[in-house]
Amino acid sequence: MQGCQSGMFGNGPVTLSEGLNKLLSEHIPLREGLERLFSLCKTVKEGQGASFADLVQEVKDFASDLDHHSEREENILFRMMEVYLGKNGGPIAVMEYEHEKAHGFLNVFLKNVQSSSEFSDEEKIQNADLIENAYHTLISHFGKEEQVLYPMAERMFTDEEKEIVKQRVSE
């Protein structure tokens, strides 16, 4: 896949190596899940009660998929990029903050629905707002990874490091 990146490692298009491309390809089903969640949030806000149960199940499924993807980015890609970019500030700190922010919205929602099974219309709307916040955070976040972070990693990593990424994300 192609991406473009401006900054210290050039700004022409780059073809991602296999491991980075695998991480990028995981954004496709995650985006589809986000779109389903966003649509369910609208339905909940319009007062269609049965949709809230659907939203709860979809959030549980989505959160599990997102956790798997995020853990590999954080434990593999981000740690390897820190060697070049440092640990404090910069793009890795921003990416990790956005992970925490999105997971925070999802976790508050999941905690709320775990602690109760009956919700007023207002509570349903407040919980749907949490998911919409996660949606906006993640749509923006995925764009930054695709347009900046992954191409940056492709340019900075050696062939050996790209092979490590490939092996570790495929485990």
N, C-alpha and C. Protein backbone atom coordinates (compact mmCIF):
# COMPACT_ATOMS: atom_id res chain seq x y z
N MET A 1 0.83 -1.19 0.00
CA MET A 1 0.00 0.00 0.00
C MET A 1 0.86 1.24 0.00
N GLN A 2 0.32 2.26 -0.52
CA GLN A 2 1.05 3.52 -0.61
C GLN A 2 0.65 4.42 0.55
N GLY A 3 1.54 5.28 0.91
CA GLY A 3 1.23 6.30 1.91
C GLY A 3 2.15 7.46 1.64
N CYS A 4 1.83 8.59 2.18
CA CYS A 4 2.79 9.66 2.04
C CYS A 4 3.06 10.27 3.38
N GLN A 5 4.20 10.80 3.51
CA GLN A 5 4.65 11.30 4.80
C GLN A 5 5.51 12.51 4.55
N SER A 6 5.27 13.55 5.29
CA SER A 6 6.16 14.70 5.20
C SER A 6 6.92 14.77 6.50
N GLY A 7 8.10 15.27 6.43
CA GLY A 7 8.89 15.36 7.64
C GLY A 7 10.31 14.93 7.38
N MET A 8 10.95 14.47 8.43
CA MET A 8 12.38 14.27 8.38
C MET A 8 12.82 13.08 7.54
N PHE A 9 11.91 12.25 7.07
CA PHE A 9 12.33 11.08 6.31
C PHE A 9 11.86 11.13 4.87
N GLY A 10 11.62 12.32 4.32
CA GLY A 10 11.21 12.45 2.93
C GLY A 10 9.70 12.60 2.85
N ASN A 11 9.23 12.95 1.64
CA ASN A 11 7.80 13.15 1.53
C ASN A 11 7.19 12.55 0.28
N GLY A 12 7.88 11.65 -0.37
CA GLY A 12 7.30 10.95 -1.50
C GLY A 12 6.53 9.74 -1.04
N PRO A 13 5.75 9.15 -1.95
CA PRO A 13 5.01 7.94 -1.59
C PRO A 13 5.96 6.81 -1.22
N VAL A 14 5.47 5.93 -0.39
CA VAL A 14 6.27 4.79 0.05
C VAL A 14 5.40 3.54 0.02
N THR A 15 6.01 2.43 -0.38
CA THR A 15 5.32 1.14 -0.33
C THR A 15 5.70 0.49 0.99
N LEU A 16 4.68 0.13 1.76
CA LEU A 16 4.93 -0.43 3.08
C LEU A 16 5.38 -1.88 3.00
N SER A 17 6.30 -2.25 3.88
CA SER A 17 6.75 -3.63 4.00
C SER A 17 5.61 -4.48 4.56
N GLU A 18 5.79 -5.79 4.53
CA GLU A 18 4.71 -6.72 4.86
C GLU A 18 4.15 -6.52 6.26
N GLY A 19 5.00 -6.36 7.26
CA GLY A 19 4.52 -6.21 8.63
C GLY A 19 3.73 -4.93 8.83
N LEU A 20 4.25 -3.82 8.31
CA LEU A 20 3.53 -2.55 8.41
C LEU A 20 2.24 -2.59 7.62
N ASN A 21 2.27 -3.23 6.47
CA ASN A 21 1.07 -3.35 5.66
C ASN A 21 0.01 -4.18 6.38
N LYS A 22 0.43 -5.19 7.14
CA LYS A 22 -0.53 -5.99 7.92
C LYS A 22 -1.23 -5.12 8.95
N LEU A 23 -0.45 -4.31 9.67
CA LEU A 23 -1.06 -3.40 10.65
C LEU A 23 -2.03 -2.44 9.96
N LEU A 24 -1.60 -1.89 8.84
CA LEU A 24 -2.45 -0.97 8.10
C LEU A 24 -3.73 -1.66 7.63
N SER A 25 -3.62 -2.89 7.14
CA SER A 25 -4.80 -3.60 6.62
C SER A 25 -5.83 -3.88 7.72
N GLU A 26 -5.38 -3.94 8.95
CA GLU A 26 -6.31 -4.16 10.08
C GLU A 26 -7.20 -2.95 10.30
N HIS A 27 -6.80 -1.80 9.79
CA HIS A 27 -7.64 -0.60 9.92
C HIS A 27 -8.94 -0.75 9.13
N ILE A 28 -8.94 -1.54 8.08
CA ILE A 28 -10.13 -1.67 7.23
C ILE A 28 -11.30 -2.25 8.04
N PRO A 29 -11.16 -3.44 8.64
CA PRO A 29 -12.30 -3.96 9.43
C PRO A 29 -12.57 -3.11 10.67
N LEU A 30 -11.54 -2.50 11.24
CA LEU A 30 -11.77 -1.63 12.40
C LEU A 30 -12.60 -0.41 12.00
N ARG A 31 -12.30 0.18 10.84
CA ARG A 31 -13.11 1.31 10.35
C ARG A 31 -14.54 0.88 10.08
N GLU A 32 -14.70 -0.31 9.50
CA GLU A 32 -16.05 -0.82 9.25
C GLU A 32 -16.81 -0.99 10.57
N GLY A 33 -16.13 -1.51 11.59
CA GLY A 33 -16.74 -1.63 12.90
C GLY A 33 -17.12 -0.28 13.47
N LEU A 34 -16.24 0.69 13.31
CA LEU A 34 -16.53 2.06 13.79
C LEU A 34 -17.76 2.63 13.09
N GLU A 35 -17.88 2.39 11.80
CA GLU A 35 -19.04 2.90 11.07
C GLU A 35 -20.33 2.25 11.57
N ARG A 36 -20.28 0.95 11.87
CA ARG A 36 -21.46 0.27 12.44
C ARG A 36 -21.81 0.87 13.79
N LEU A 37 -20.79 1.11 14.62
CA LEU A 37 -21.02 1.70 15.94
C LEU A 37 -21.63 3.09 15.81
N PHE A 38 -21.10 3.90 14.92
CA PHE A 38 -21.59 5.26 14.73
C PHE A 38 -23.05 5.23 14.28
N SER A 39 -23.38 4.33 13.38
CA SER A 39 -24.76 4.19 12.90
C SER A 39 -25.68 3.76 14.04
N LEU A 40 -25.24 2.82 14.86
CA LEU A 40 -26.05 2.38 16.00
C LEU A 40 -26.24 3.52 17.00
N CYS A 41 -25.22 4.33 17.19
CA CYS A 41 -25.34 5.48 18.10
C CYS A 41 -26.44 6.42 17.62
N LYS A 42 -26.50 6.66 16.33
CA LYS A 42 -27.55 7.53 15.78
C LYS A 42 -28.93 6.92 16.04
N THR A 43 -29.04 5.61 15.86
CA THR A 43 -30.31 4.93 16.08
C THR A 43 -30.73 5.03 17.55
N VAL A 44 -29.78 4.83 18.45
CA VAL A 44 -30.06 4.96 19.88
C VAL A 44 -30.55 6.37 20.19
N LYS A 45 -29.90 7.36 19.64
CA LYS A 45 -30.28 8.76 19.91
C LYS A 45 -31.65 9.11 19.34
N GLU A 46 -32.08 8.36 18.33
CA GLU A 46 -33.40 8.58 17.75
C GLU A 46 -34.49 7.88 18.56
N GLY A 47 -34.07 7.16 19.63
CA GLY A 47 -35.04 6.56 20.53
C GLY A 47 -35.49 5.16 20.19
N GLN A 48 -34.76 4.49 19.35
CA GLN A 48 -35.11 3.11 19.02
C GLN A 48 -34.45 2.19 20.03
N GLY A 49 -35.19 1.81 21.09
CA GLY A 49 -34.67 1.12 22.26
C GLY A 49 -33.91 -0.17 21.99
N ALA A 50 -34.37 -0.97 21.06
CA ALA A 50 -33.71 -2.25 20.81
C ALA A 50 -32.27 -2.06 20.34
N SER A 51 -31.98 -0.92 19.77
CA SER A 51 -30.65 -0.66 19.24
C SER A 51 -29.57 -0.57 20.32
N PHE A 52 -29.95 -0.21 21.55
CA PHE A 52 -28.94 -0.07 22.59
C PHE A 52 -28.30 -1.42 22.91
N ALA A 53 -29.10 -2.47 22.96
CA ALA A 53 -28.54 -3.82 23.18
C ALA A 53 -27.60 -4.20 22.04
N ASP A 54 -27.98 -3.83 20.83
CA ASP A 54 -27.10 -4.10 19.68
C ASP A 54 -25.80 -3.32 19.83
N LEU A 55 -25.91 -2.07 20.26
CA LEU A 55 -24.73 -1.23 20.45
C LEU A 55 -23.79 -1.85 21.48
N VAL A 56 -24.35 -2.32 22.58
CA VAL A 56 -23.53 -2.94 23.64
C VAL A 56 -22.75 -4.12 23.07
N GLN A 57 -23.40 -5.00 22.34
CA GLN A 57 -22.71 -6.17 21.79
C GLN A 57 -21.66 -5.77 20.77
N GLU A 58 -21.99 -4.84 19.92
CA GLU A 58 -21.02 -4.37 18.91
C GLU A 58 -19.80 -3.73 19.56
N VAL A 59 -20.01 -2.96 20.62
CA VAL A 59 -18.88 -2.33 21.31
C VAL A 59 -17.99 -3.40 21.92
N LYS A 60 -18.57 -4.42 22.52
CA LYS A 60 -17.77 -5.50 23.11
C LYS A 60 -16.91 -6.17 22.05
N ASP A 61 -17.51 -6.48 20.92
CA ASP A 61 -16.76 -7.13 19.83
C ASP A 61 -15.67 -6.21 19.29
N PHE A 62 -16.03 -4.96 19.06
CA PHE A 62 -15.08 -4.01 18.51
C PHE A 62 -13.91 -3.78 19.47
N ALA A 63 -14.21 -3.62 20.76
CA ALA A 63 -13.15 -3.35 21.74
C ALA A 63 -12.14 -4.48 21.77
N SER A 64 -12.59 -5.69 21.63
CA SER A 64 -11.68 -6.84 21.60
C SER A 64 -10.75 -6.77 20.38
N ASP A 65 -11.33 -6.48 19.22
CA ASP A 65 -10.52 -6.37 18.00
C ASP A 65 -9.53 -5.21 18.09
N LEU A 66 -9.99 -4.09 18.63
CA LEU A 66 -9.13 -2.92 18.76
C LEU A 66 -7.98 -3.20 19.74
N ASP A 67 -8.29 -3.88 20.84
CA ASP A 67 -7.25 -4.21 21.82
C ASP A 67 -6.13 -5.01 21.18
N HIS A 68 -6.50 -6.00 20.39
CA HIS A 68 -5.50 -6.86 19.73
C HIS A 68 -4.59 -6.01 18.83
N HIS A 69 -5.20 -5.15 18.04
CA HIS A 69 -4.44 -4.29 17.12
C HIS A 69 -3.55 -3.31 17.90
N SER A 70 -4.12 -2.63 18.87
CA SER A 70 -3.39 -1.61 19.63
C SER A 70 -2.22 -2.19 20.39
N GLU A 71 -2.42 -3.35 21.00
CA GLU A 71 -1.34 -3.98 21.77
C GLU A 71 -0.13 -4.26 20.89
N ARG A 72 -0.37 -4.74 19.68
CA ARG A 72 0.76 -5.03 18.79
C ARG A 72 1.43 -3.75 18.32
N GLU A 73 0.65 -2.72 18.05
CA GLU A 73 1.28 -1.44 17.68
C GLU A 73 2.14 -0.93 18.82
N GLU A 74 1.57 -0.92 20.03
CA GLU A 74 2.30 -0.37 21.17
C GLU A 74 3.52 -1.20 21.54
N ASN A 75 3.38 -2.51 21.57
CA ASN A 75 4.46 -3.38 22.04
C ASN A 75 5.52 -3.68 20.99
N ILE A 76 5.18 -3.53 19.73
CA ILE A 76 6.14 -3.83 18.67
C ILE A 76 6.56 -2.54 17.97
N LEU A 77 5.64 -1.96 17.21
CA LEU A 77 5.97 -0.82 16.36
C LEU A 77 6.45 0.39 17.16
N PHE A 78 5.68 0.79 18.15
CA PHE A 78 6.04 2.00 18.90
C PHE A 78 7.37 1.82 19.63
N ARG A 79 7.58 0.65 20.23
CA ARG A 79 8.84 0.43 20.96
C ARG A 79 10.03 0.48 19.99
N MET A 80 9.87 -0.07 18.79
CA MET A 80 10.96 -0.04 17.83
C MET A 80 11.20 1.38 17.30
N MET A 81 10.15 2.14 17.14
CA MET A 81 10.31 3.52 16.65
C MET A 81 10.94 4.43 17.70
N GLU A 82 10.71 4.12 18.98
CA GLU A 82 11.30 4.92 20.05
C GLU A 82 12.82 4.96 19.98
N VAL A 83 13.42 3.92 19.44
CA VAL A 83 14.87 3.89 19.30
C VAL A 83 15.33 5.08 18.46
N TYR A 84 14.54 5.44 17.46
CA TYR A 84 14.88 6.54 16.56
C TYR A 84 14.31 7.89 17.03
N LEU A 85 13.13 7.85 17.65
CA LEU A 85 12.40 9.09 17.93
C LEU A 85 12.42 9.51 19.39
N GLY A 86 12.88 8.63 20.27
CA GLY A 86 12.84 8.92 21.69
C GLY A 86 11.50 8.54 22.31
N LYS A 87 11.46 8.60 23.64
CA LYS A 87 10.27 8.16 24.36
C LYS A 87 9.34 9.29 24.75
N ASN A 88 9.86 10.47 24.89
CA ASN A 88 9.06 11.58 25.40
C ASN A 88 8.69 12.53 24.28
N GLY A 89 7.42 12.86 24.22
CA GLY A 89 6.96 13.78 23.18
C GLY A 89 6.99 13.12 21.82
N GLY A 90 6.73 13.89 20.81
CA GLY A 90 6.80 13.40 19.44
C GLY A 90 5.65 12.50 19.06
N PRO A 91 5.75 11.90 17.88
CA PRO A 91 4.62 11.14 17.33
C PRO A 91 4.22 9.91 18.16
N ILE A 92 5.16 9.24 18.78
CA ILE A 92 4.81 8.05 19.56
C ILE A 92 3.98 8.44 20.78
N ALA A 93 4.37 9.50 21.44
CA ALA A 93 3.59 9.96 22.60
C ALA A 93 2.17 10.35 22.18
N VAL A 94 2.03 10.99 21.03
CA VAL A 94 0.71 11.37 20.54
C VAL A 94 -0.12 10.12 20.23
N MET A 95 0.50 9.15 19.57
CA MET A 95 -0.23 7.92 19.21
C MET A 95 -0.68 7.17 20.46
N GLU A 96 0.20 7.08 21.45
CA GLU A 96 -0.17 6.38 22.68
C GLU A 96 -1.26 7.13 23.44
N TYR A 97 -1.19 8.45 23.44
CA TYR A 97 -2.24 9.25 24.09
C TYR A 97 -3.59 8.99 23.41
N GLU A 98 -3.59 8.95 22.09
CA GLU A 98 -4.84 8.71 21.37
C GLU A 98 -5.36 7.30 21.61
N HIS A 99 -4.47 6.33 21.73
CA HIS A 99 -4.90 4.97 22.11
C HIS A 99 -5.60 5.02 23.46
N GLU A 100 -4.96 5.66 24.43
CA GLU A 100 -5.52 5.75 25.78
C GLU A 100 -6.87 6.46 25.77
N LYS A 101 -6.95 7.52 25.02
CA LYS A 101 -8.19 8.31 24.95
C LYS A 101 -9.33 7.46 24.37
N ALA A 102 -9.10 6.79 23.25
CA ALA A 102 -10.14 5.96 22.62
C ALA A 102 -10.53 4.80 23.53
N HIS A 103 -9.53 4.12 24.08
CA HIS A 103 -9.82 3.00 24.98
C HIS A 103 -10.56 3.49 26.22
N GLY A 104 -10.24 4.69 26.67
CA GLY A 104 -10.94 5.26 27.82
C GLY A 104 -12.42 5.41 27.56
N PHE A 105 -12.79 5.95 26.40
CA PHE A 105 -14.21 6.09 26.06
C PHE A 105 -14.89 4.73 26.02
N LEU A 106 -14.25 3.76 25.39
CA LEU A 106 -14.83 2.42 25.29
C LEU A 106 -14.95 1.76 26.66
N ASN A 107 -13.91 1.92 27.48
CA ASN A 107 -13.93 1.28 28.81
C ASN A 107 -14.98 1.88 29.73
N VAL A 108 -15.19 3.19 29.67
CA VAL A 108 -16.25 3.80 30.49
C VAL A 108 -17.60 3.26 30.03
N PHE A 109 -17.82 3.18 28.73
CA PHE A 109 -19.06 2.60 28.21
C PHE A 109 -19.24 1.18 28.73
N LEU A 110 -18.20 0.35 28.58
CA LEU A 110 -18.31 -1.05 28.99
C LEU A 110 -18.53 -1.19 30.49
N LYS A 111 -17.91 -0.34 31.27
CA LYS A 111 -18.13 -0.36 32.72
C LYS A 111 -19.58 0.03 33.04
N ASN A 112 -20.08 1.04 32.36
CA ASN A 112 -21.46 1.47 32.58
C ASN A 112 -22.46 0.36 32.27
N VAL A 113 -22.26 -0.33 31.16
CA VAL A 113 -23.24 -1.36 30.78
C VAL A 113 -23.06 -2.64 31.58
N GLN A 114 -21.90 -2.82 32.18
CA GLN A 114 -21.68 -3.98 33.04
C GLN A 114 -22.37 -3.79 34.39
N SER A 115 -22.43 -2.54 34.84
CA SER A 115 -22.96 -2.28 36.18
C SER A 115 -24.49 -2.15 36.20
N SER A 116 -25.12 -2.10 35.04
CA SER A 116 -26.56 -1.95 35.00
C SER A 116 -27.10 -2.55 33.71
N SER A 117 -28.35 -2.98 33.75
CA SER A 117 -28.98 -3.48 32.52
C SER A 117 -30.16 -2.60 32.11
N GLU A 118 -30.54 -1.69 32.96
CA GLU A 118 -31.64 -0.78 32.68
C GLU A 118 -31.10 0.64 32.57
N PHE A 119 -31.44 1.30 31.48
CA PHE A 119 -30.94 2.65 31.24
C PHE A 119 -32.09 3.55 30.81
N SER A 120 -32.08 4.75 31.32
CA SER A 120 -33.03 5.75 30.84
C SER A 120 -32.61 6.17 29.44
N ASP A 121 -33.51 6.85 28.74
CA ASP A 121 -33.16 7.35 27.41
C ASP A 121 -31.95 8.28 27.48
N GLU A 122 -31.90 9.10 28.52
CA GLU A 122 -30.78 10.03 28.68
C GLU A 122 -29.47 9.26 28.90
N GLU A 123 -29.51 8.21 29.70
CA GLU A 123 -28.30 7.40 29.94
C GLU A 123 -27.85 6.69 28.67
N LYS A 124 -28.80 6.24 27.88
CA LYS A 124 -28.45 5.61 26.60
C LYS A 124 -27.74 6.62 25.69
N ILE A 125 -28.25 7.83 25.67
CA ILE A 125 -27.65 8.88 24.84
C ILE A 125 -26.25 9.24 25.35
N GLN A 126 -26.10 9.34 26.67
CA GLN A 126 -24.78 9.64 27.23
C GLN A 126 -23.77 8.55 26.89
N ASN A 127 -24.21 7.30 26.95
CA ASN A 127 -23.31 6.20 26.60
C ASN A 127 -23.01 6.18 25.10
N ALA A 128 -24.01 6.48 24.28
CA ALA A 128 -23.77 6.57 22.84
C ALA A 128 -22.77 7.69 22.53
N ASP A 129 -22.85 8.78 23.29
CA ASP A 129 -21.88 9.87 23.11
C ASP A 129 -20.45 9.40 23.34
N LEU A 130 -20.25 8.52 24.31
CA LEU A 130 -18.91 7.97 24.56
C LEU A 130 -18.39 7.24 23.32
N ILE A 131 -19.25 6.47 22.70
CA ILE A 131 -18.85 5.70 21.52
C ILE A 131 -18.60 6.64 20.34
N GLU A 132 -19.40 7.67 20.22
CA GLU A 132 -19.14 8.65 19.16
C GLU A 132 -17.80 9.35 19.38
N ASN A 133 -17.46 9.63 20.63
CA ASN A 133 -16.14 10.23 20.93
C ASN A 133 -15.02 9.27 20.54
N ALA A 134 -15.18 7.99 20.83
CA ALA A 134 -14.19 6.99 20.43
C ALA A 134 -14.09 6.94 18.90
N TYR A 135 -15.22 7.00 18.23
CA TYR A 135 -15.26 6.98 16.77
C TYR A 135 -14.40 8.12 16.20
N HIS A 136 -14.68 9.35 16.64
CA HIS A 136 -13.95 10.50 16.11
C HIS A 136 -12.46 10.42 16.42
N THR A 137 -12.13 9.98 17.62
CA THR A 137 -10.73 9.84 18.01
C THR A 137 -10.02 8.83 17.11
N LEU A 138 -10.64 7.69 16.88
CA LEU A 138 -9.99 6.62 16.12
C LEU A 138 -9.93 6.90 14.62
N ILE A 139 -10.97 7.52 14.06
CA ILE A 139 -10.92 7.84 12.63
C ILE A 139 -9.74 8.78 12.37
N SER A 140 -9.58 9.78 13.20
CA SER A 140 -8.46 10.71 13.06
C SER A 140 -7.13 10.00 13.30
N HIS A 141 -7.09 9.16 14.32
CA HIS A 141 -5.89 8.43 14.69
C HIS A 141 -5.42 7.51 13.55
N PHE A 142 -6.33 6.75 12.98
CA PHE A 142 -5.96 5.86 11.88
C PHE A 142 -5.37 6.64 10.72
N GLY A 143 -5.93 7.79 10.42
CA GLY A 143 -5.41 8.62 9.34
C GLY A 143 -3.97 9.04 9.61
N LYS A 144 -3.67 9.43 10.84
CA LYS A 144 -2.30 9.83 11.19
C LYS A 144 -1.34 8.66 11.05
N GLU A 145 -1.77 7.49 11.49
CA GLU A 145 -0.89 6.32 11.36
C GLU A 145 -0.63 6.01 9.89
N GLU A 146 -1.69 6.04 9.09
CA GLU A 146 -1.57 5.67 7.69
C GLU A 146 -0.77 6.68 6.87
N GLN A 147 -0.96 7.95 7.15
CA GLN A 147 -0.33 8.99 6.35
C GLN A 147 1.05 9.40 6.87
N VAL A 148 1.29 9.21 8.15
CA VAL A 148 2.55 9.70 8.73
C VAL A 148 3.36 8.58 9.38
N LEU A 149 2.78 7.93 10.38
CA LEU A 149 3.56 7.02 11.22
C LEU A 149 4.07 5.79 10.46
N TYR A 150 3.21 5.09 9.77
CA TYR A 150 3.65 3.89 9.05
C TYR A 150 4.69 4.22 7.96
N PRO A 151 4.44 5.25 7.14
CA PRO A 151 5.48 5.60 6.16
C PRO A 151 6.80 6.02 6.82
N MET A 152 6.71 6.71 7.96
CA MET A 152 7.92 7.10 8.69
C MET A 152 8.69 5.85 9.14
N ALA A 153 7.97 4.88 9.68
CA ALA A 153 8.61 3.63 10.12
C ALA A 153 9.24 2.91 8.93
N GLU A 154 8.54 2.89 7.81
CA GLU A 154 9.06 2.23 6.61
C GLU A 154 10.38 2.85 6.19
N ARG A 155 10.48 4.15 6.27
CA ARG A 155 11.70 4.84 5.85
C ARG A 155 12.84 4.67 6.86
N MET A 156 12.50 4.60 8.14
CA MET A 156 13.57 4.58 9.14
C MET A 156 14.08 3.18 9.47
N PHE A 157 13.22 2.17 9.35
CA PHE A 157 13.63 0.82 9.74
C PHE A 157 14.56 0.20 8.70
N THR A 158 15.50 -0.58 9.22
CA THR A 158 16.37 -1.38 8.35
C THR A 158 15.57 -2.58 7.84
N ASP A 159 16.11 -3.27 6.86
CA ASP A 159 15.45 -4.48 6.36
C ASP A 159 15.28 -5.51 7.48
N GLU A 160 16.27 -5.59 8.35
CA GLU A 160 16.19 -6.54 9.47
C GLU A 160 15.07 -6.15 10.43
N GLU A 161 14.92 -4.87 10.70
CA GLU A 161 13.85 -4.41 11.59
C GLU A 161 12.48 -4.64 10.96
N LYS A 162 12.38 -4.45 9.66
CA LYS A 162 11.11 -4.71 8.96
C LYS A 162 10.74 -6.19 9.06
N GLU A 163 11.74 -7.04 9.00
CA GLU A 163 11.49 -8.48 9.14
C GLU A 163 11.02 -8.80 10.55
N ILE A 164 11.59 -8.15 11.55
CA ILE A 164 11.16 -8.35 12.94
C ILE A 164 9.70 -7.92 13.10
N VAL A 165 9.35 -6.77 12.55
CA VAL A 165 7.96 -6.30 12.62
C VAL A 165 7.04 -7.34 11.98
N LYS A 166 7.42 -7.81 10.80
CA LYS A 166 6.62 -8.81 10.08
C LYS A 166 6.39 -10.05 10.94
N GLN A 167 7.46 -10.57 11.51
CA GLN A 167 7.36 -11.79 12.31
C GLN A 167 6.51 -11.57 13.55
N ARG A 168 6.74 -10.47 14.23
CA ARG A 168 6.04 -10.23 15.51
C ARG A 168 4.57 -9.89 15.33
N VAL A 169 4.21 -9.15 14.29
CA VAL A 169 2.78 -8.85 14.10
C VAL A 169 2.01 -10.05 13.58
N SER A 170 2.71 -11.03 13.03
CA SER A 170 2.05 -12.23 12.52
C SER A 170 1.88 -13.31 13.58
N GLU A 171 2.44 -13.10 14.75
CA GLU A 171 2.36 -14.12 15.82
C GLU A 171 0.97 -14.22 16.37
